[in-house]
Amino acid sequence: MHHIEKKEFLTALGMGLLHSMFGLFVILSSIWLCLALWFQAPISGFITRALIGIWISFTLTILGIYITQYLLNRQTSAIIYILAFLLGLFWYLSLEAKQDRDWNPEVAQVLSFKQAGNLVTLHNVRNFNWHTDGSYDQRWETRQFDLNQITGVNIITSYWMGPRIAHTLVSFDFSNGQPLTFSIEIRKQKNEEFSTYGGFFRKYELSLVASDEKDLIYTRSNIRKEQVYFFPVDLSKAESRALFEEYLHKANELKAQPKWYNTLTSNCTTLVFDMVQAVSKRHLPTDYRLLASGYLPNYLYDLKAISHNLSMQQWYDIAHINPRVSHLNHLSSAEYSSLIRQGIPKPIPEPSAH
């Protein structure tokens, strides 16, 4: 008798957990779908709000029926909800990234290139002339680079919402010309604003911008008044070249097939990490600082990709470029690139193998 009661108790407990899990699934999946509808606004604002209201009413009704078993049994009500949610999920997954929207001028052009051995010709390199009020003169250029002339790679972190979150840029130094900066960004449409939460819901396409430093970095340090830090990283010549070519491959991918930006998994830091990992001979462990991108320099320091000749605090002190440039608004590209490197020690190159 005692054995039967124990079995019944365990069965009831298991069913209770199962029902609770289904209820939690309904709540969480409904919140996700409502947010997806809100950020996508697939029809008009009013109709989107109406759809969200209808879905909330449907969800509450299903939960009520599931709990009370009024009109329908639990199995039937669960099947109805799952089928309805799968329909919403199918809509969401069918959303396709596009190339032909009415883009903001800053990301209107798509980077492309031609490579012949060591020589790379980049088309649509951005070199905007920015004014103090945030306006700019548009200028898209074709530039040529010799991959054998790469002399250094730099990580730039630009802080715009506190110490935990930063935008990550990568700049390449060349012995025979001006540096080139790459930035993975959202591809905003005209009059569209960035939303961190919208970035979870296929709100923005990905954009890869190649630019003069006076454009991409100056925009942040002098126009938007973000706090910008410049860190040379220790990569071998072969790794530096391979990383540049990874950017070229990424440009080819986005030109052939546009992709969605994702705040968590496909952003300016995680995609750079993927590319560096693809070319590096070092083991690069996954780390929370790849998500809390403001701490990326600390992560690189722990990996000894940033020189240990200085402490991390000393690095932050000398890497901070704002004190050197934020009060200067009429600089040439060469002057700006020179100033942001002022006082920053370069990595000591590895001795050549014999």
Protein backbone atom coordinates (compact mmCIF):
# COMPACT_ATOMS: atom_id res chain seq x y z
CA MET A 1 0.00 0.00 0.00
CA HIS A 2 2.82 2.36 0.96
CA HIS A 3 4.56 1.58 -2.35
CA ILE A 4 1.39 2.46 -4.35
CA GLU A 5 1.00 5.80 -2.53
CA LYS A 6 4.64 6.68 -3.19
CA LYS A 7 4.25 5.84 -6.89
CA GLU A 8 1.10 7.98 -7.11
CA PHE A 9 2.86 10.85 -5.36
CA LEU A 10 5.80 10.73 -7.75
CA THR A 11 3.47 10.52 -10.74
CA ALA A 12 1.49 13.53 -9.50
CA LEU A 13 4.73 15.45 -8.83
CA GLY A 14 6.04 14.65 -12.33
CA MET A 15 2.79 15.77 -13.96
CA GLY A 16 2.79 18.93 -11.88
CA LEU A 17 6.31 19.75 -13.05
CA LEU A 18 5.33 19.01 -16.64
CA HIS A 19 2.31 21.32 -16.44
CA SER A 20 4.44 24.05 -14.83
CA MET A 21 7.07 23.74 -17.57
CA PHE A 22 4.41 24.05 -20.25
CA GLY A 23 2.97 27.12 -18.54
CA LEU A 24 6.45 28.67 -18.37
CA PHE A 25 7.02 27.84 -22.03
CA VAL A 26 3.76 29.54 -22.99
CA ILE A 27 4.66 32.70 -21.04
CA LEU A 28 8.25 32.98 -22.31
CA SER A 29 7.47 32.10 -25.92
CA SER A 30 4.58 34.59 -25.93
CA ILE A 31 6.81 37.37 -24.58
CA TRP A 32 9.40 36.57 -27.28
CA LEU A 33 6.82 36.58 -30.07
CA CYS A 34 5.24 39.84 -28.86
CA LEU A 35 8.68 41.48 -28.81
CA ALA A 36 9.42 40.16 -32.31
CA LEU A 37 6.14 41.64 -33.55
CA TRP A 38 6.83 44.93 -31.77
CA PHE A 39 10.30 45.43 -33.25
CA GLN A 40 9.45 44.11 -36.71
CA ALA A 41 6.08 45.91 -36.99
CA PRO A 42 5.22 43.74 -40.04
CA ILE A 43 2.20 45.82 -41.05
CA SER A 44 1.22 49.22 -39.63
CA GLY A 45 1.77 50.37 -36.06
CA PHE A 46 -1.92 50.08 -35.18
CA ILE A 47 -2.37 46.62 -36.71
CA THR A 48 0.86 45.40 -35.09
CA ARG A 49 -0.43 46.51 -31.69
CA ALA A 50 -3.74 44.81 -32.43
CA LEU A 51 -1.92 41.57 -33.32
CA ILE A 52 0.04 41.74 -30.06
CA GLY A 53 -3.21 42.29 -28.14
CA ILE A 54 -4.88 39.36 -29.89
CA TRP A 55 -1.90 37.11 -29.15
CA ILE A 56 -1.88 38.08 -25.46
CA SER A 57 -5.62 37.34 -25.24
CA PHE A 58 -5.11 34.02 -27.01
CA THR A 59 -2.25 33.10 -24.65
CA LEU A 60 -4.23 33.92 -21.51
CA THR A 61 -7.22 31.96 -22.83
CA ILE A 62 -5.07 28.91 -23.58
CA LEU A 63 -3.48 29.08 -20.12
CA GLY A 64 -6.93 29.36 -18.52
CA ILE A 65 -8.24 26.38 -20.49
CA TYR A 66 -5.08 24.39 -19.76
CA ILE A 67 -5.36 25.01 -16.01
CA THR A 68 -9.13 24.45 -15.67
CA GLN A 69 -9.60 21.99 -18.56
CA TYR A 70 -12.79 23.89 -19.35
CA LEU A 71 -14.04 23.17 -22.93
CA LEU A 72 -10.85 21.34 -23.96
CA ASN A 73 -8.52 18.88 -22.31
CA ARG A 74 -4.90 19.83 -21.63
CA GLN A 75 -3.47 17.86 -24.53
CA THR A 76 -5.74 19.57 -27.07
CA SER A 77 -5.13 23.09 -25.70
CA ALA A 78 -1.36 22.46 -25.69
CA ILE A 79 -1.45 21.30 -29.33
CA ILE A 80 -3.45 24.40 -30.34
CA TYR A 81 -0.93 26.73 -28.68
CA ILE A 82 2.12 24.95 -30.09
CA LEU A 83 0.71 25.02 -33.63
CA ALA A 84 -0.12 28.73 -33.31
CA PHE A 85 3.36 29.51 -31.94
CA LEU A 86 5.01 27.49 -34.73
CA LEU A 87 3.11 29.61 -37.23
CA GLY A 88 4.56 32.75 -35.60
CA LEU A 89 8.02 31.18 -35.53
CA PHE A 90 7.75 30.31 -39.23
CA TRP A 91 6.92 33.96 -39.98
CA TYR A 92 9.95 35.14 -37.99
CA LEU A 93 12.41 32.67 -39.52
CA SER A 94 11.18 33.56 -43.02
CA LEU A 95 12.33 37.18 -42.58
CA GLU A 96 15.18 37.71 -45.05
CA ALA A 97 18.02 40.19 -44.79
CA LYS A 98 18.09 42.50 -47.82
CA GLN A 99 20.47 44.71 -49.79
CA ASP A 100 17.89 47.04 -51.35
CA ARG A 101 16.47 49.13 -48.51
CA ASP A 102 16.58 52.92 -48.25
CA TRP A 103 19.87 52.99 -46.37
CA ASN A 104 21.39 55.65 -44.19
CA PRO A 105 24.19 57.28 -46.28
CA GLU A 106 26.83 56.11 -43.77
CA VAL A 107 26.20 52.48 -44.77
CA ALA A 108 24.72 52.96 -48.24
CA GLN A 109 27.61 51.32 -50.13
CA VAL A 110 28.76 47.70 -49.97
CA LEU A 111 32.48 47.01 -49.60
CA SER A 112 34.02 44.99 -52.44
CA PHE A 113 37.54 44.18 -53.60
CA LYS A 114 39.82 42.65 -56.19
CA GLN A 115 43.00 40.83 -55.22
CA ALA A 116 46.03 40.09 -57.35
CA GLY A 117 48.66 38.41 -55.23
CA ASN A 118 49.72 40.83 -52.51
CA LEU A 119 47.83 43.76 -54.00
CA VAL A 120 44.25 44.37 -52.89
CA THR A 121 42.03 47.02 -54.46
CA LEU A 122 39.17 48.00 -52.18
CA HIS A 123 36.08 49.68 -53.59
CA ASN A 124 33.73 51.82 -51.48
CA VAL A 125 36.21 52.76 -48.77
CA ARG A 126 34.46 55.39 -46.68
CA ASN A 127 36.23 58.69 -46.11
CA PHE A 128 33.53 61.11 -44.94
CA ASN A 129 34.42 64.60 -43.80
CA TRP A 130 32.59 65.08 -40.49
CA HIS A 131 31.43 68.41 -39.09
CA THR A 132 30.99 69.29 -35.43
CA ASP A 133 27.18 69.28 -35.72
CA GLY A 134 27.20 65.63 -36.86
CA SER A 135 26.66 66.37 -40.55
CA TYR A 136 29.16 65.12 -43.12
CA ASP A 137 30.37 65.36 -46.68
CA GLN A 138 30.01 61.99 -48.36
CA ARG A 139 33.07 60.52 -50.00
CA TRP A 140 33.52 56.92 -51.14
CA GLU A 141 36.93 55.95 -52.51
CA THR A 142 38.87 53.17 -54.17
CA ARG A 143 42.16 52.40 -52.43
CA GLN A 144 44.94 49.91 -53.06
CA PHE A 145 46.89 48.06 -50.37
CA ASP A 146 49.96 45.83 -50.42
CA LEU A 147 49.47 43.07 -47.88
CA ASN A 148 53.24 42.67 -47.55
CA GLN A 149 53.34 46.22 -46.17
CA ILE A 150 51.15 45.53 -43.12
CA THR A 151 53.18 46.55 -40.07
CA GLY A 152 50.66 46.34 -37.24
CA VAL A 153 47.11 45.66 -36.08
CA ASN A 154 45.25 47.72 -33.49
CA ILE A 155 42.07 47.15 -31.52
CA ILE A 156 40.01 50.28 -30.89
CA THR A 157 37.25 50.22 -28.27
CA SER A 158 34.73 53.06 -28.19
CA TYR A 159 32.57 53.35 -25.07
CA TRP A 160 29.09 54.76 -25.55
CA MET A 161 27.00 53.33 -22.69
CA GLY A 162 29.23 52.78 -19.66
CA PRO A 163 32.31 50.62 -19.03
CA ARG A 164 30.79 47.25 -19.94
CA ILE A 165 29.80 47.87 -23.54
CA ALA A 166 32.04 49.19 -26.30
CA HIS A 167 32.07 49.23 -30.06
CA THR A 168 35.09 47.35 -31.42
CA LEU A 169 37.06 48.44 -34.47
CA VAL A 170 40.22 47.00 -36.01
CA SER A 171 42.85 49.15 -37.71
CA PHE A 172 45.73 47.98 -39.91
CA ASP A 173 49.00 49.91 -40.20
CA PHE A 174 50.89 50.00 -43.51
CA SER A 175 54.51 51.02 -44.01
CA ASN A 176 53.76 52.66 -47.37
CA GLY A 177 50.47 54.44 -46.69
CA GLN A 178 47.69 55.51 -44.36
CA PRO A 179 46.09 53.00 -41.97
CA LEU A 180 42.77 51.34 -42.79
CA THR A 181 40.02 50.70 -40.24
CA PHE A 182 37.32 48.02 -40.37
CA SER A 183 34.09 48.26 -38.42
CA ILE A 184 31.26 45.73 -38.25
CA GLU A 185 28.07 47.72 -37.73
CA ILE A 186 24.33 47.60 -38.10
CA ARG A 187 23.12 48.72 -41.51
CA LYS A 188 20.59 51.36 -40.54
CA GLN A 189 17.89 52.61 -42.85
CA LYS A 190 17.26 56.34 -43.15
CA ASN A 191 15.86 57.85 -39.96
CA GLU A 192 16.25 54.52 -38.15
CA GLU A 193 17.61 54.50 -34.60
CA PHE A 194 19.65 51.74 -32.96
CA SER A 195 17.96 49.58 -30.34
CA THR A 196 19.95 47.04 -28.34
CA TYR A 197 16.80 44.98 -27.83
CA GLY A 198 15.78 45.30 -31.46
CA GLY A 199 19.13 43.75 -32.32
CA PHE A 200 17.89 40.46 -30.87
CA PHE A 201 14.96 40.34 -33.30
CA ARG A 202 16.32 40.67 -36.85
CA LYS A 203 15.79 44.40 -36.81
CA TYR A 204 19.06 45.27 -38.62
CA GLU A 205 21.24 43.87 -41.34
CA LEU A 206 25.02 43.58 -40.88
CA SER A 207 27.37 46.04 -42.51
CA LEU A 208 31.15 45.91 -42.91
CA VAL A 209 32.65 49.36 -43.29
CA ALA A 210 36.26 49.94 -44.39
CA SER A 211 37.32 53.47 -43.68
CA ASP A 212 39.99 56.05 -43.20
CA GLU A 213 40.77 56.44 -39.46
CA LYS A 214 39.85 60.12 -39.69
CA ASP A 215 36.34 58.98 -40.54
CA LEU A 216 35.39 56.00 -38.35
CA ILE A 217 37.40 56.79 -35.22
CA TYR A 218 37.12 60.58 -35.39
CA THR A 219 33.33 60.21 -35.62
CA ARG A 220 33.35 58.63 -32.19
CA SER A 221 36.05 60.62 -30.41
CA ASN A 222 35.20 64.10 -31.72
CA ILE A 223 31.60 64.08 -32.99
CA ARG A 224 29.73 61.65 -30.76
CA LYS A 225 32.01 62.31 -27.77
CA GLU A 226 32.44 58.63 -27.01
CA GLN A 227 35.46 57.56 -24.96
CA VAL A 228 37.88 55.86 -27.36
CA TYR A 229 40.90 53.67 -26.57
CA PHE A 230 43.62 52.50 -28.97
CA PHE A 231 45.52 49.25 -28.27
CA PRO A 232 48.23 47.77 -30.52
CA VAL A 233 47.96 43.99 -30.49
CA ASP A 234 50.74 41.47 -30.87
CA LEU A 235 50.10 39.49 -34.05
CA SER A 236 52.73 37.99 -36.30
CA LYS A 237 53.05 39.32 -39.85
CA ALA A 238 51.40 36.17 -41.18
CA GLU A 239 48.51 36.46 -38.70
CA SER A 240 48.05 40.15 -39.51
CA ARG A 241 47.82 39.42 -43.21
CA ALA A 242 45.47 36.49 -42.63
CA LEU A 243 43.22 38.68 -40.49
CA PHE A 244 43.04 41.33 -43.24
CA GLU A 245 42.08 38.60 -45.70
CA GLU A 246 39.40 37.36 -43.27
CA TYR A 247 37.83 40.80 -43.53
CA LEU A 248 37.92 40.45 -47.31
CA HIS A 249 36.14 37.11 -47.04
CA LYS A 250 33.53 38.68 -44.76
CA ALA A 251 33.01 41.46 -47.33
CA ASN A 252 32.47 38.83 -50.03
CA GLU A 253 29.97 36.97 -47.85
CA LEU A 254 27.90 40.08 -47.12
CA LYS A 255 27.95 41.17 -50.74
CA ALA A 256 26.75 37.76 -51.90
CA GLN A 257 24.24 37.20 -49.10
CA PRO A 258 23.18 39.90 -46.60
CA LYS A 259 22.99 38.72 -43.00
CA TRP A 260 21.26 39.77 -39.82
CA TYR A 261 22.98 41.56 -36.98
CA ASN A 262 22.38 40.00 -33.56
CA THR A 263 23.12 41.89 -30.34
CA LEU A 264 24.39 38.72 -28.66
CA THR A 265 25.85 36.40 -31.30
CA SER A 266 26.69 38.44 -34.43
CA ASN A 267 27.98 41.81 -33.30
CA CYS A 268 31.08 43.97 -33.67
CA THR A 269 33.05 41.97 -31.08
CA THR A 270 31.95 38.35 -31.53
CA LEU A 271 32.53 38.48 -35.30
CA VAL A 272 36.00 39.99 -34.83
CA PHE A 273 36.74 37.22 -32.32
CA ASP A 274 35.63 34.59 -34.85
CA MET A 275 37.96 36.04 -37.48
CA VAL A 276 40.93 36.33 -35.11
CA GLN A 277 40.34 32.77 -33.91
CA ALA A 278 40.37 31.58 -37.53
CA VAL A 279 43.85 32.99 -38.13
CA SER A 280 45.53 32.80 -34.73
CA LYS A 281 47.95 30.08 -33.70
CA ARG A 282 47.04 30.72 -30.07
CA HIS A 283 44.23 29.11 -28.14
CA LEU A 284 41.51 31.71 -27.66
CA PRO A 285 39.15 30.61 -24.89
CA THR A 286 35.57 31.82 -24.88
CA ASP A 287 35.03 34.37 -22.15
CA TYR A 288 32.24 36.57 -20.77
CA ARG A 289 34.30 39.59 -21.87
CA LEU A 290 33.46 38.79 -25.48
CA LEU A 291 29.87 39.71 -24.59
CA ALA A 292 30.76 42.48 -22.13
CA SER A 293 32.83 44.01 -24.92
CA GLY A 294 34.03 46.92 -22.83
CA TYR A 295 36.38 44.49 -21.10
CA LEU A 296 37.84 43.14 -24.36
CA PRO A 297 41.22 44.88 -23.76
CA ASN A 298 41.51 43.07 -20.41
CA TYR A 299 40.79 39.78 -22.16
CA LEU A 300 43.51 40.49 -24.76
CA TYR A 301 45.90 41.51 -21.99
CA ASP A 302 45.33 38.19 -20.19
CA LEU A 303 46.14 36.41 -23.48
CA LYS A 304 49.33 38.51 -23.75
CA ALA A 305 48.10 39.93 -27.05
CA ILE A 306 48.62 43.33 -25.41
CA SER A 307 52.13 43.89 -24.06
CA HIS A 308 52.79 43.19 -20.38
CA ASN A 309 55.49 45.86 -20.29
CA LEU A 310 52.72 48.04 -18.85
CA SER A 311 49.99 47.25 -16.36
CA MET A 312 46.43 47.22 -17.63
CA GLN A 313 45.71 50.48 -15.82
CA GLN A 314 48.75 52.08 -17.46
CA TRP A 315 47.49 50.86 -20.82
CA TYR A 316 44.09 52.44 -20.26
CA ASP A 317 45.79 55.70 -19.32
CA ILE A 318 47.94 55.95 -22.46
CA ALA A 319 45.44 54.28 -24.83
CA HIS A 320 42.79 56.92 -24.15
CA ILE A 321 42.86 59.09 -27.27
CA ASN A 322 40.23 61.70 -26.34
CA PRO A 323 42.62 63.96 -24.39
CA ARG A 324 44.85 64.13 -27.47
CA VAL A 325 42.27 64.78 -30.19
CA SER A 326 38.77 65.63 -28.94
CA HIS A 327 39.44 69.39 -28.88
CA LEU A 328 40.86 69.43 -32.43
CA ASN A 329 38.38 69.66 -35.31
CA HIS A 330 40.48 70.53 -38.34
CA LEU A 331 42.97 67.70 -38.71
CA SER A 332 44.18 65.89 -41.80
CA SER A 333 43.97 62.09 -41.91
CA ALA A 334 47.72 61.81 -41.37
CA GLU A 335 47.65 64.20 -38.41
CA TYR A 336 44.75 62.39 -36.76
CA SER A 337 46.35 58.95 -37.18
CA SER A 338 49.62 60.28 -35.80
CA LEU A 339 47.98 61.87 -32.75
CA ILE A 340 45.96 58.82 -31.69
CA ARG A 341 49.23 56.81 -31.66
CA GLN A 342 51.17 59.41 -29.72
CA GLY A 343 52.93 57.87 -26.71
CA ILE A 344 51.64 54.35 -27.40
CA PRO A 345 54.41 51.70 -27.54
CA LYS A 346 54.32 49.29 -30.44
CA PRO A 347 54.55 45.51 -29.89
CA ILE A 348 58.06 44.17 -30.23
CA PRO A 349 58.08 42.01 -33.39
CA GLU A 350 58.96 38.35 -33.08
CA PRO A 351 62.42 37.41 -34.34
CA SER A 352 62.38 35.87 -37.80
CA ALA A 353 62.62 32.10 -37.93
CA HIS A 354 65.75 30.69 -39.55
